[in-house]
N, C-alpha and C. Protein backbone atom coordinates (compact mmCIF):
# COMPACT_ATOMS: atom_id res chain seq x y z
N MET A 1 52.78 26.41 62.86
CA MET A 1 52.89 25.96 61.48
C MET A 1 53.97 26.75 60.74
N SER A 2 54.77 26.05 59.94
CA SER A 2 55.78 26.73 59.14
C SER A 2 55.13 27.67 58.14
N GLU A 3 55.74 28.85 57.97
CA GLU A 3 55.23 29.79 56.97
C GLU A 3 56.02 29.70 55.66
N ARG A 4 56.89 28.71 55.55
CA ARG A 4 57.70 28.58 54.34
C ARG A 4 56.85 27.97 53.22
N TYR A 5 56.85 28.66 52.10
CA TYR A 5 56.09 28.18 50.95
C TYR A 5 56.87 28.46 49.67
N THR A 6 56.54 27.69 48.66
CA THR A 6 57.07 27.88 47.31
C THR A 6 55.94 28.35 46.41
N ALA A 7 56.21 29.29 45.53
CA ALA A 7 55.23 29.72 44.53
C ALA A 7 55.55 29.05 43.20
N VAL A 8 54.56 28.40 42.61
CA VAL A 8 54.71 27.73 41.31
C VAL A 8 53.88 28.47 40.27
N ILE A 9 54.53 28.87 39.17
CA ILE A 9 53.86 29.63 38.12
C ILE A 9 54.06 28.92 36.78
N PRO A 10 53.04 28.24 36.23
CA PRO A 10 53.14 27.72 34.87
C PRO A 10 53.01 28.88 33.89
N ALA A 11 53.83 28.89 32.86
CA ALA A 11 53.83 30.04 31.94
C ALA A 11 53.95 29.57 30.50
N TYR A 12 53.08 30.07 29.65
CA TYR A 12 53.16 29.80 28.21
C TYR A 12 52.96 31.10 27.46
N ASN A 13 53.96 31.51 26.71
CA ASN A 13 53.92 32.76 25.94
C ASN A 13 53.43 33.93 26.79
N ALA A 14 54.07 34.07 27.94
CA ALA A 14 53.68 35.09 28.92
C ALA A 14 54.73 36.18 29.05
N ALA A 15 55.45 36.45 27.98
CA ALA A 15 56.53 37.45 28.04
C ALA A 15 56.03 38.81 28.50
N ALA A 16 54.81 39.17 28.14
CA ALA A 16 54.30 40.50 28.46
C ALA A 16 53.88 40.64 29.92
N THR A 17 53.68 39.52 30.62
CA THR A 17 53.10 39.58 31.96
C THR A 17 53.91 38.88 33.04
N ILE A 18 54.86 38.03 32.69
CA ILE A 18 55.52 37.19 33.70
C ILE A 18 56.26 38.03 34.74
N ALA A 19 56.90 39.11 34.33
CA ALA A 19 57.69 39.90 35.28
C ALA A 19 56.80 40.53 36.35
N VAL A 20 55.68 41.11 35.94
CA VAL A 20 54.81 41.76 36.92
C VAL A 20 54.12 40.72 37.80
N ALA A 21 53.83 39.55 37.25
CA ALA A 21 53.26 38.48 38.07
C ALA A 21 54.23 38.07 39.17
N VAL A 22 55.49 37.87 38.80
CA VAL A 22 56.49 37.48 39.80
C VAL A 22 56.71 38.58 40.82
N ARG A 23 56.70 39.82 40.37
CA ARG A 23 56.87 40.93 41.33
C ARG A 23 55.75 40.94 42.36
N SER A 24 54.54 40.55 41.95
CA SER A 24 53.44 40.51 42.92
C SER A 24 53.64 39.41 43.94
N VAL A 25 54.35 38.36 43.57
CA VAL A 25 54.69 37.29 44.51
C VAL A 25 55.76 37.75 45.47
N LEU A 26 56.81 38.35 44.95
CA LEU A 26 57.92 38.78 45.78
C LEU A 26 57.55 39.95 46.69
N ALA A 27 56.47 40.65 46.37
CA ALA A 27 56.02 41.79 47.18
C ALA A 27 55.10 41.37 48.32
N GLN A 28 54.88 40.07 48.50
CA GLN A 28 54.03 39.61 49.59
C GLN A 28 54.59 40.03 50.94
N SER A 29 53.70 40.34 51.88
CA SER A 29 54.17 40.65 53.24
C SER A 29 54.85 39.45 53.87
N VAL A 30 54.48 38.24 53.42
CA VAL A 30 55.22 37.02 53.77
C VAL A 30 55.76 36.45 52.45
N PRO A 31 57.01 36.76 52.11
CA PRO A 31 57.53 36.37 50.79
C PRO A 31 57.81 34.87 50.71
N PRO A 32 57.89 34.34 49.49
CA PRO A 32 58.14 32.91 49.30
C PRO A 32 59.60 32.55 49.51
N ALA A 33 59.83 31.28 49.82
CA ALA A 33 61.21 30.77 49.86
C ALA A 33 61.78 30.72 48.45
N THR A 34 60.95 30.31 47.51
CA THR A 34 61.36 30.16 46.11
C THR A 34 60.17 30.41 45.20
N VAL A 35 60.45 30.95 44.03
CA VAL A 35 59.46 31.04 42.96
C VAL A 35 59.93 30.12 41.83
N ILE A 36 59.12 29.14 41.49
CA ILE A 36 59.44 28.22 40.40
C ILE A 36 58.56 28.56 39.21
N ILE A 37 59.17 28.98 38.12
CA ILE A 37 58.46 29.28 36.87
C ILE A 37 58.68 28.11 35.93
N VAL A 38 57.61 27.50 35.47
CA VAL A 38 57.72 26.40 34.51
C VAL A 38 57.31 26.93 33.14
N ASP A 39 58.30 27.12 32.28
CA ASP A 39 58.06 27.60 30.92
C ASP A 39 57.58 26.42 30.08
N ASP A 40 56.30 26.44 29.74
CA ASP A 40 55.66 25.30 29.08
C ASP A 40 55.81 25.40 27.56
N GLY A 41 57.06 25.38 27.11
CA GLY A 41 57.33 25.38 25.68
C GLY A 41 56.97 26.67 24.98
N SER A 42 57.17 27.79 25.66
CA SER A 42 56.84 29.09 25.05
C SER A 42 57.62 29.33 23.77
N THR A 43 56.99 30.04 22.83
CA THR A 43 57.67 30.42 21.58
C THR A 43 58.06 31.88 21.58
N ASP A 44 57.82 32.57 22.70
CA ASP A 44 58.24 33.97 22.83
C ASP A 44 59.39 34.05 23.82
N GLU A 45 59.59 35.19 24.44
CA GLU A 45 60.73 35.42 25.33
C GLU A 45 60.43 35.13 26.80
N THR A 46 59.38 34.38 27.07
CA THR A 46 59.01 34.11 28.46
C THR A 46 60.17 33.58 29.28
N GLY A 47 60.83 32.54 28.78
CA GLY A 47 61.92 31.92 29.53
C GLY A 47 63.08 32.86 29.77
N ALA A 48 63.46 33.63 28.75
CA ALA A 48 64.59 34.55 28.88
C ALA A 48 64.27 35.66 29.87
N ILE A 49 63.06 36.20 29.81
CA ILE A 49 62.67 37.25 30.75
C ILE A 49 62.65 36.70 32.17
N ALA A 50 62.08 35.52 32.35
CA ALA A 50 62.01 34.92 33.67
C ALA A 50 63.40 34.68 34.25
N ALA A 51 64.33 34.27 33.40
CA ALA A 51 65.69 33.97 33.87
C ALA A 51 66.42 35.21 34.35
N ARG A 52 65.99 36.39 33.91
CA ARG A 52 66.65 37.64 34.30
C ARG A 52 66.04 38.28 35.55
N LEU A 53 64.99 37.70 36.08
CA LEU A 53 64.31 38.29 37.22
C LEU A 53 65.15 38.16 38.49
N ASP A 54 65.10 39.19 39.31
CA ASP A 54 65.81 39.15 40.59
C ASP A 54 65.03 38.32 41.60
N GLY A 55 65.73 37.91 42.65
CA GLY A 55 65.09 37.20 43.73
C GLY A 55 65.28 35.70 43.63
N PRO A 56 64.66 34.95 44.53
CA PRO A 56 64.82 33.49 44.58
C PRO A 56 63.97 32.81 43.51
N VAL A 57 64.33 33.02 42.26
CA VAL A 57 63.53 32.55 41.12
C VAL A 57 64.26 31.43 40.39
N ARG A 58 63.57 30.33 40.16
CA ARG A 58 64.08 29.22 39.35
C ARG A 58 63.20 29.08 38.11
N VAL A 59 63.83 28.79 36.98
CA VAL A 59 63.09 28.60 35.74
C VAL A 59 63.33 27.19 35.23
N ILE A 60 62.26 26.48 34.96
CA ILE A 60 62.32 25.14 34.39
C ILE A 60 61.62 25.19 33.03
N ARG A 61 62.21 24.58 32.03
CA ARG A 61 61.57 24.56 30.71
C ARG A 61 61.17 23.14 30.35
N GLN A 62 59.99 23.01 29.76
CA GLN A 62 59.54 21.72 29.24
C GLN A 62 58.86 21.93 27.90
N ASP A 63 58.72 20.86 27.13
CA ASP A 63 57.95 20.93 25.90
C ASP A 63 56.50 21.26 26.24
N ASN A 64 55.82 21.94 25.32
CA ASN A 64 54.46 22.35 25.60
C ASN A 64 53.55 21.15 25.86
N ALA A 65 52.93 21.15 27.05
CA ALA A 65 52.06 20.05 27.44
C ALA A 65 50.78 20.51 28.10
N GLY A 66 50.69 21.80 28.44
CA GLY A 66 49.50 22.31 29.07
C GLY A 66 49.76 22.81 30.48
N PRO A 67 48.88 23.67 30.99
CA PRO A 67 49.10 24.28 32.31
C PRO A 67 49.07 23.28 33.45
N GLY A 68 48.25 22.23 33.33
CA GLY A 68 48.23 21.21 34.38
C GLY A 68 49.56 20.48 34.48
N SER A 69 50.07 20.07 33.32
CA SER A 69 51.37 19.40 33.29
C SER A 69 52.47 20.30 33.83
N ALA A 70 52.46 21.58 33.42
CA ALA A 70 53.49 22.51 33.89
C ALA A 70 53.40 22.71 35.40
N THR A 71 52.18 22.78 35.92
CA THR A 71 52.00 22.92 37.37
C THR A 71 52.54 21.70 38.09
N THR A 72 52.24 20.52 37.56
CA THR A 72 52.73 19.28 38.17
C THR A 72 54.25 19.22 38.15
N THR A 73 54.86 19.67 37.07
CA THR A 73 56.32 19.74 37.00
C THR A 73 56.87 20.63 38.11
N GLY A 74 56.22 21.77 38.32
CA GLY A 74 56.64 22.65 39.40
C GLY A 74 56.47 22.01 40.77
N PHE A 75 55.33 21.34 40.98
CA PHE A 75 55.08 20.68 42.26
C PHE A 75 56.21 19.72 42.62
N ALA A 76 56.74 19.02 41.61
CA ALA A 76 57.77 18.01 41.86
C ALA A 76 59.07 18.61 42.39
N GLN A 77 59.25 19.92 42.23
CA GLN A 77 60.47 20.59 42.67
C GLN A 77 60.32 21.31 44.02
N VAL A 78 59.14 21.24 44.61
CA VAL A 78 58.87 21.98 45.84
C VAL A 78 59.51 21.26 47.03
N ASP A 79 60.22 22.01 47.87
CA ASP A 79 60.85 21.43 49.06
C ASP A 79 60.42 22.16 50.34
N THR A 80 59.27 22.81 50.29
CA THR A 80 58.72 23.50 51.46
C THR A 80 57.42 22.80 51.87
N PRO A 81 56.92 23.04 53.09
CA PRO A 81 55.69 22.37 53.53
C PRO A 81 54.44 22.85 52.80
N LEU A 82 54.51 24.05 52.22
CA LEU A 82 53.35 24.65 51.57
C LEU A 82 53.71 25.07 50.15
N VAL A 83 52.70 25.09 49.28
CA VAL A 83 52.90 25.55 47.91
C VAL A 83 51.73 26.44 47.51
N ALA A 84 52.06 27.54 46.85
CA ALA A 84 51.05 28.45 46.30
C ALA A 84 51.23 28.49 44.79
N THR A 85 50.15 28.77 44.08
CA THR A 85 50.20 28.77 42.62
C THR A 85 49.60 30.06 42.07
N LEU A 86 50.05 30.39 40.87
CA LEU A 86 49.61 31.64 40.22
C LEU A 86 49.71 31.47 38.71
N ASP A 87 48.67 31.87 37.99
CA ASP A 87 48.77 31.91 36.53
C ASP A 87 49.65 33.10 36.13
N ALA A 88 50.38 32.95 35.05
CA ALA A 88 51.43 33.91 34.70
C ALA A 88 50.93 35.26 34.24
N ASP A 89 49.63 35.42 34.03
CA ASP A 89 49.11 36.74 33.64
C ASP A 89 48.26 37.36 34.73
N ASP A 90 48.26 36.76 35.94
CA ASP A 90 47.49 37.30 37.05
C ASP A 90 48.40 37.90 38.12
N LEU A 91 47.79 38.48 39.15
CA LEU A 91 48.55 39.16 40.21
C LEU A 91 48.02 38.78 41.58
N TRP A 92 48.91 38.71 42.56
CA TRP A 92 48.50 38.57 43.95
C TRP A 92 48.44 39.94 44.60
N LEU A 93 47.50 40.14 45.50
CA LEU A 93 47.50 41.31 46.35
C LEU A 93 48.47 41.09 47.51
N PRO A 94 49.05 42.14 48.07
CA PRO A 94 50.20 41.99 48.99
C PRO A 94 49.95 41.17 50.24
N GLU A 95 48.71 41.13 50.76
CA GLU A 95 48.44 40.40 52.00
C GLU A 95 47.82 39.02 51.75
N LYS A 96 47.83 38.57 50.49
CA LYS A 96 47.22 37.27 50.17
C LYS A 96 47.76 36.16 51.04
N LEU A 97 49.07 35.99 51.02
CA LEU A 97 49.64 34.84 51.73
C LEU A 97 49.52 34.97 53.23
N ALA A 98 49.60 36.18 53.75
CA ALA A 98 49.45 36.35 55.20
C ALA A 98 48.07 35.87 55.65
N ALA A 99 47.04 36.24 54.91
CA ALA A 99 45.67 35.83 55.26
C ALA A 99 45.50 34.32 55.14
N GLN A 100 46.06 33.74 54.08
CA GLN A 100 45.89 32.31 53.88
C GLN A 100 46.70 31.48 54.88
N LEU A 101 47.89 31.94 55.21
CA LEU A 101 48.69 31.25 56.22
C LEU A 101 47.98 31.25 57.56
N ALA A 102 47.34 32.36 57.90
CA ALA A 102 46.59 32.42 59.15
C ALA A 102 45.44 31.42 59.15
N ALA A 103 44.76 31.28 58.01
CA ALA A 103 43.65 30.34 57.92
C ALA A 103 44.12 28.90 58.05
N LEU A 104 45.22 28.55 57.38
CA LEU A 104 45.75 27.19 57.50
C LEU A 104 46.25 26.92 58.91
N GLY A 105 46.87 27.91 59.53
CA GLY A 105 47.38 27.73 60.87
C GLY A 105 46.28 27.52 61.90
N ALA A 106 45.10 28.06 61.61
CA ALA A 106 43.99 27.95 62.55
C ALA A 106 43.21 26.65 62.40
N ASP A 107 43.44 25.91 61.33
CA ASP A 107 42.67 24.69 61.08
C ASP A 107 43.58 23.65 60.43
N SER A 108 44.07 22.72 61.22
CA SER A 108 45.00 21.71 60.71
C SER A 108 44.34 20.72 59.76
N GLY A 109 43.01 20.72 59.70
CA GLY A 109 42.32 19.81 58.80
C GLY A 109 42.14 20.34 57.40
N LEU A 110 42.52 21.58 57.16
CA LEU A 110 42.39 22.15 55.82
C LEU A 110 43.55 21.71 54.94
N ALA A 111 43.23 21.33 53.71
CA ALA A 111 44.27 21.00 52.73
C ALA A 111 44.73 22.23 52.00
N ALA A 112 43.80 23.15 51.71
CA ALA A 112 44.13 24.32 50.89
C ALA A 112 43.17 25.45 51.18
N VAL A 113 43.66 26.66 50.95
CA VAL A 113 42.86 27.86 51.15
C VAL A 113 42.87 28.67 49.85
N PHE A 114 41.72 29.19 49.48
CA PHE A 114 41.55 30.00 48.28
C PHE A 114 41.01 31.37 48.70
N GLY A 115 40.77 32.24 47.75
CA GLY A 115 40.22 33.56 48.04
C GLY A 115 39.48 34.09 46.83
N ARG A 116 38.89 35.25 46.99
CA ARG A 116 38.11 35.84 45.93
C ARG A 116 39.01 36.57 44.93
N ILE A 117 38.50 36.72 43.70
CA ILE A 117 39.24 37.32 42.59
C ILE A 117 38.46 38.50 42.03
N ALA A 118 39.18 39.56 41.71
CA ALA A 118 38.62 40.67 40.94
C ALA A 118 39.34 40.71 39.60
N THR A 119 38.64 41.07 38.54
CA THR A 119 39.24 41.10 37.22
C THR A 119 39.63 42.51 36.80
N PHE A 120 40.59 42.59 35.89
CA PHE A 120 40.97 43.86 35.29
C PHE A 120 41.40 43.61 33.86
N ARG A 121 41.47 44.68 33.08
CA ARG A 121 41.88 44.55 31.68
C ARG A 121 43.29 45.11 31.45
N GLU A 122 43.50 46.37 31.63
CA GLU A 122 44.83 46.93 31.39
C GLU A 122 45.48 47.45 32.66
N ASP A 123 44.72 48.09 33.51
CA ASP A 123 45.26 48.73 34.70
C ASP A 123 44.73 48.03 35.96
N PRO A 124 45.62 47.39 36.74
CA PRO A 124 45.15 46.72 37.97
C PRO A 124 44.44 47.68 38.92
N ALA A 125 44.79 48.96 38.87
CA ALA A 125 44.14 49.93 39.75
C ALA A 125 42.66 50.08 39.43
N LEU A 126 42.24 49.62 38.26
CA LEU A 126 40.85 49.70 37.84
C LEU A 126 40.14 48.35 37.95
N ALA A 127 40.70 47.44 38.75
CA ALA A 127 40.09 46.12 38.92
C ALA A 127 38.66 46.26 39.43
N GLU A 128 37.79 45.35 38.99
CA GLU A 128 36.36 45.41 39.28
C GLU A 128 36.06 44.67 40.59
N PHE A 129 36.40 45.30 41.71
CA PHE A 129 36.20 44.65 43.01
C PHE A 129 34.73 44.41 43.31
N GLY A 130 33.86 45.25 42.77
CA GLY A 130 32.43 45.06 43.01
C GLY A 130 31.88 43.80 42.37
N ALA A 131 32.59 43.27 41.38
CA ALA A 131 32.15 42.05 40.70
C ALA A 131 33.05 40.87 41.04
N ALA A 132 33.73 40.93 42.18
CA ALA A 132 34.64 39.83 42.58
C ALA A 132 33.85 38.54 42.78
N TYR A 133 34.53 37.43 42.60
CA TYR A 133 33.89 36.11 42.72
C TYR A 133 34.83 35.14 43.43
N ASP A 134 34.28 34.04 43.91
CA ASP A 134 35.08 33.02 44.59
C ASP A 134 36.05 32.39 43.60
N GLY A 135 37.33 32.44 43.93
CA GLY A 135 38.37 31.97 43.01
C GLY A 135 38.85 30.57 43.33
N TRP A 136 38.06 29.58 42.94
CA TRP A 136 38.52 28.19 43.06
C TRP A 136 39.47 27.94 41.89
N SER A 137 40.65 28.49 41.97
CA SER A 137 41.53 28.51 40.81
C SER A 137 42.99 28.41 41.23
N ARG A 138 43.85 28.19 40.24
CA ARG A 138 45.28 28.13 40.50
C ARG A 138 45.79 29.47 41.05
N THR A 139 45.25 30.57 40.56
CA THR A 139 45.76 31.88 40.93
C THR A 139 45.61 32.19 42.42
N THR A 140 44.66 31.57 43.11
CA THR A 140 44.45 31.91 44.52
C THR A 140 44.88 30.81 45.48
N MET A 141 45.37 29.68 45.03
CA MET A 141 45.55 28.53 45.92
C MET A 141 46.82 28.61 46.78
N LEU A 142 46.67 28.29 48.06
CA LEU A 142 47.78 27.93 48.95
C LEU A 142 47.42 26.58 49.53
N ALA A 143 48.31 25.59 49.39
CA ALA A 143 47.98 24.22 49.78
C ALA A 143 49.12 23.58 50.56
N ARG A 144 48.75 22.58 51.37
CA ARG A 144 49.74 21.76 52.04
C ARG A 144 50.33 20.79 51.03
N VAL A 145 51.63 20.64 51.03
CA VAL A 145 52.29 19.79 50.03
C VAL A 145 51.88 18.33 50.18
N ASP A 146 51.63 17.86 51.41
CA ASP A 146 51.22 16.46 51.55
C ASP A 146 49.88 16.21 50.88
N ALA A 147 48.97 17.18 50.92
CA ALA A 147 47.68 17.04 50.23
C ALA A 147 47.87 17.05 48.72
N VAL A 148 48.76 17.92 48.24
CA VAL A 148 49.07 17.98 46.81
C VAL A 148 49.62 16.65 46.33
N GLN A 149 50.54 16.08 47.08
CA GLN A 149 51.15 14.81 46.69
C GLN A 149 50.13 13.69 46.69
N GLN A 150 49.24 13.68 47.67
CA GLN A 150 48.23 12.63 47.74
C GLN A 150 47.24 12.74 46.59
N THR A 151 46.95 13.95 46.16
CA THR A 151 45.99 14.15 45.08
C THR A 151 46.54 13.67 43.74
N GLY A 152 47.84 13.83 43.53
CA GLY A 152 48.46 13.35 42.30
C GLY A 152 48.57 14.43 41.24
N PRO A 153 48.94 14.04 40.02
CA PRO A 153 49.21 15.03 38.96
C PRO A 153 47.96 15.79 38.54
N MET A 154 48.20 16.99 38.05
CA MET A 154 47.14 17.82 37.49
C MET A 154 47.08 17.51 35.99
N CYS A 155 45.99 16.93 35.54
CA CYS A 155 45.89 16.41 34.18
C CYS A 155 45.15 17.39 33.27
N ASP A 156 45.69 17.62 32.07
CA ASP A 156 45.09 18.56 31.12
C ASP A 156 44.05 17.86 30.25
N PRO A 157 42.77 18.27 30.32
CA PRO A 157 41.75 17.72 29.42
C PRO A 157 41.95 18.26 28.01
N PRO A 158 41.16 17.79 27.03
CA PRO A 158 41.21 18.37 25.70
C PRO A 158 40.95 19.87 25.77
N GLY A 159 41.70 20.65 25.00
CA GLY A 159 41.55 22.08 25.05
C GLY A 159 42.38 22.74 26.13
N LYS A 160 42.96 21.91 27.03
CA LYS A 160 43.86 22.41 28.08
C LYS A 160 43.21 23.44 28.98
N VAL A 161 41.93 23.26 29.27
CA VAL A 161 41.24 24.06 30.28
C VAL A 161 40.39 23.10 31.12
N GLY A 162 40.15 23.47 32.36
CA GLY A 162 39.35 22.64 33.24
C GLY A 162 40.16 21.74 34.14
N GLU A 163 41.50 21.83 34.05
CA GLU A 163 42.34 20.91 34.84
C GLU A 163 42.20 21.14 36.33
N MET A 164 41.97 22.39 36.76
CA MET A 164 41.84 22.66 38.19
C MET A 164 40.54 22.09 38.74
N ILE A 165 39.47 22.11 37.95
CA ILE A 165 38.20 21.55 38.40
C ILE A 165 38.37 20.07 38.71
N ASP A 166 39.00 19.35 37.80
CA ASP A 166 39.23 17.92 38.00
C ASP A 166 40.13 17.68 39.19
N TRP A 167 41.21 18.44 39.30
CA TRP A 167 42.20 18.21 40.36
C TRP A 167 41.61 18.50 41.73
N LEU A 168 40.86 19.59 41.87
CA LEU A 168 40.25 19.90 43.15
C LEU A 168 39.17 18.89 43.51
N ALA A 169 38.46 18.38 42.52
CA ALA A 169 37.47 17.32 42.80
C ALA A 169 38.18 16.09 43.36
N ARG A 170 39.32 15.74 42.78
CA ARG A 170 40.07 14.59 43.29
C ARG A 170 40.61 14.84 44.69
N MET A 171 41.02 16.08 44.97
CA MET A 171 41.49 16.40 46.32
C MET A 171 40.37 16.22 47.34
N ARG A 172 39.17 16.69 47.00
CA ARG A 172 38.04 16.52 47.91
C ARG A 172 37.69 15.04 48.08
N GLU A 173 37.80 14.27 47.01
CA GLU A 173 37.45 12.85 47.07
C GLU A 173 38.38 12.06 47.98
N THR A 174 39.59 12.56 48.20
CA THR A 174 40.51 11.88 49.11
C THR A 174 40.22 12.23 50.57
N GLY A 175 39.25 13.13 50.80
CA GLY A 175 38.85 13.47 52.16
C GLY A 175 39.39 14.79 52.67
N TRP A 176 40.14 15.51 51.84
CA TRP A 176 40.67 16.80 52.27
C TRP A 176 39.59 17.87 52.21
N ARG A 177 39.71 18.87 53.08
CA ARG A 177 38.79 20.00 53.08
C ARG A 177 39.47 21.23 52.49
N LEU A 178 38.69 22.05 51.79
CA LEU A 178 39.16 23.29 51.18
C LEU A 178 38.37 24.45 51.76
N ALA A 179 39.01 25.62 51.85
CA ALA A 179 38.34 26.79 52.40
C ALA A 179 38.46 27.97 51.45
N MET A 180 37.43 28.83 51.45
CA MET A 180 37.40 30.04 50.64
C MET A 180 37.38 31.26 51.57
N LEU A 181 38.39 32.11 51.46
CA LEU A 181 38.40 33.34 52.25
C LEU A 181 37.39 34.34 51.69
N PRO A 182 36.83 35.20 52.53
CA PRO A 182 35.82 36.14 52.04
C PRO A 182 36.40 37.35 51.32
N GLN A 183 37.71 37.58 51.43
CA GLN A 183 38.29 38.77 50.84
C GLN A 183 38.93 38.50 49.48
N VAL A 184 39.07 39.56 48.69
CA VAL A 184 39.78 39.47 47.41
C VAL A 184 41.27 39.34 47.69
N VAL A 185 41.89 38.32 47.11
CA VAL A 185 43.31 38.08 47.34
C VAL A 185 44.13 38.17 46.06
N ALA A 186 43.47 38.21 44.89
CA ALA A 186 44.20 38.20 43.63
C ALA A 186 43.40 38.93 42.55
N LEU A 187 44.13 39.31 41.51
CA LEU A 187 43.52 39.99 40.36
C LEU A 187 43.74 39.15 39.11
N ARG A 188 42.68 38.95 38.36
CA ARG A 188 42.78 38.19 37.11
C ARG A 188 42.78 39.13 35.92
N ARG A 189 43.78 38.99 35.09
CA ARG A 189 43.90 39.82 33.89
C ARG A 189 43.04 39.24 32.77
N ILE A 190 42.21 40.07 32.18
CA ILE A 190 41.38 39.66 31.04
C ILE A 190 41.98 40.27 29.79
N HIS A 191 42.50 39.42 28.91
CA HIS A 191 43.12 39.92 27.69
C HIS A 191 43.09 38.83 26.63
N PRO A 192 43.24 39.19 25.34
CA PRO A 192 43.11 38.21 24.27
C PRO A 192 44.10 37.06 24.34
N GLY A 193 45.22 37.24 25.04
CA GLY A 193 46.19 36.15 25.11
C GLY A 193 45.95 35.17 26.22
N SER A 194 44.97 35.41 27.09
CA SER A 194 44.75 34.51 28.22
C SER A 194 44.15 33.20 27.73
N LEU A 195 44.22 32.19 28.58
CA LEU A 195 43.90 30.83 28.15
C LEU A 195 42.46 30.67 27.69
N THR A 196 41.51 31.25 28.42
CA THR A 196 40.10 31.01 28.10
C THR A 196 39.45 32.10 27.27
N TYR A 197 40.13 33.23 27.07
CA TYR A 197 39.54 34.35 26.34
C TYR A 197 39.23 33.92 24.90
N GLY A 198 37.97 34.06 24.49
CA GLY A 198 37.60 33.80 23.11
C GLY A 198 37.69 32.34 22.70
N ARG A 199 37.71 31.43 23.69
CA ARG A 199 37.86 30.02 23.34
C ARG A 199 36.70 29.20 23.89
N VAL A 200 35.51 29.77 23.83
CA VAL A 200 34.35 29.10 24.39
C VAL A 200 34.15 27.74 23.76
N SER A 201 34.44 27.60 22.48
CA SER A 201 34.23 26.33 21.80
C SER A 201 35.12 25.23 22.36
N ARG A 202 36.21 25.61 23.04
CA ARG A 202 37.10 24.61 23.60
C ARG A 202 36.70 24.21 25.01
N LEU A 203 35.84 25.00 25.66
CA LEU A 203 35.52 24.73 27.06
C LEU A 203 34.63 23.50 27.22
N ALA A 204 33.64 23.34 26.36
CA ALA A 204 32.66 22.28 26.54
C ALA A 204 33.30 20.89 26.58
N PRO A 205 34.14 20.50 25.61
CA PRO A 205 34.73 19.16 25.70
C PRO A 205 35.62 18.98 26.91
N SER A 206 36.33 20.02 27.32
CA SER A 206 37.18 19.93 28.49
C SER A 206 36.36 19.67 29.74
N TYR A 207 35.32 20.47 29.96
CA TYR A 207 34.51 20.31 31.15
C TYR A 207 33.72 19.01 31.12
N LEU A 208 33.30 18.58 29.93
CA LEU A 208 32.59 17.32 29.81
C LEU A 208 33.47 16.17 30.24
N GLN A 209 34.73 16.19 29.84
CA GLN A 209 35.65 15.12 30.24
C GLN A 209 35.88 15.14 31.75
N VAL A 210 36.00 16.33 32.32
CA VAL A 210 36.19 16.45 33.77
C VAL A 210 35.02 15.84 34.52
N VAL A 211 33.79 16.17 34.10
CA VAL A 211 32.59 15.64 34.75
C VAL A 211 32.52 14.12 34.58
N ARG A 212 32.82 13.64 33.38
CA ARG A 212 32.78 12.20 33.12
C ARG A 212 33.79 11.45 34.01
N ALA A 213 35.00 12.02 34.14
CA ALA A 213 36.01 11.37 34.97
C ALA A 213 35.57 11.30 36.43
N ALA A 214 34.96 12.38 36.92
CA ALA A 214 34.48 12.39 38.30
C ALA A 214 33.40 11.33 38.51
N MET A 215 32.50 11.19 37.55
CA MET A 215 31.43 10.19 37.66
C MET A 215 32.01 8.78 37.65
N GLU A 216 33.01 8.55 36.81
CA GLU A 216 33.63 7.22 36.75
C GLU A 216 34.34 6.88 38.05
N ARG A 217 35.00 7.88 38.66
CA ARG A 217 35.67 7.63 39.94
C ARG A 217 34.63 7.30 41.02
N ARG A 218 33.50 8.01 40.99
CA ARG A 218 32.44 7.77 41.98
C ARG A 218 31.88 6.35 41.83
N ARG A 219 31.68 5.91 40.59
CA ARG A 219 31.13 4.56 40.37
C ARG A 219 32.11 3.48 40.81
N SER A 220 33.40 3.79 40.70
CA SER A 220 34.42 2.76 41.03
C SER A 220 34.61 2.59 42.52
N ARG A 221 34.14 3.55 43.33
CA ARG A 221 34.29 3.42 44.78
C ARG A 221 33.25 2.46 45.32
N PRO A 222 33.57 1.75 46.42
CA PRO A 222 32.59 0.85 47.05
C PRO A 222 31.30 1.60 47.37
N GLY A 223 30.18 1.04 46.92
CA GLY A 223 28.90 1.70 47.18
C GLY A 223 28.56 2.76 46.17
N GLY A 224 29.43 2.99 45.16
CA GLY A 224 29.16 4.01 44.16
C GLY A 224 28.02 3.61 43.26
N GLU A 225 27.39 4.62 42.66
CA GLU A 225 26.27 4.35 41.76
C GLU A 225 26.61 4.81 40.35
């Protein structure tokens, strides 16, 4: 199996974190062919900082539309067999891609591989590994591009959260299998600027729409209830 992959990073007002996020990608033991940063209409210096980064980095700018839309924009530019994704305020651990590539190589029926996440606040060295959890998220995903294309665009619900839940549900509904590695592969930054921090009131309508859409798709299939 080819080990060539592209990293796609949707970014909105991530000036404080985008550089270190990209460095964690470029520091992989199996580095990416390209890093595509989609600046989702940031009003800070995200785009300018990203454009100055060293390495095989491309920056695309679009009007603000949400992380799902920005991820989909990045997917459209991928020219490698595999694509990995990362939120702009999170970090990959150095052996993330090596472990995931091995898992995909061992099972041709897998569409995507994920891993566990540990959280941190200011210092990644103080990440809470003891409280790590399964990261069914953009930050940990490595996927086959043909599965991504078959699944279609990543759509942003109201509140612009929950898009990965809907998208992964649609990937499973097409018959693809997903795997979760047992080890921690990424670190999630917890800070007031992150998408879900302090926005509990926005989560309910987003997740409700995701669940409703899944139920409607199930009813529309032959034999659905």
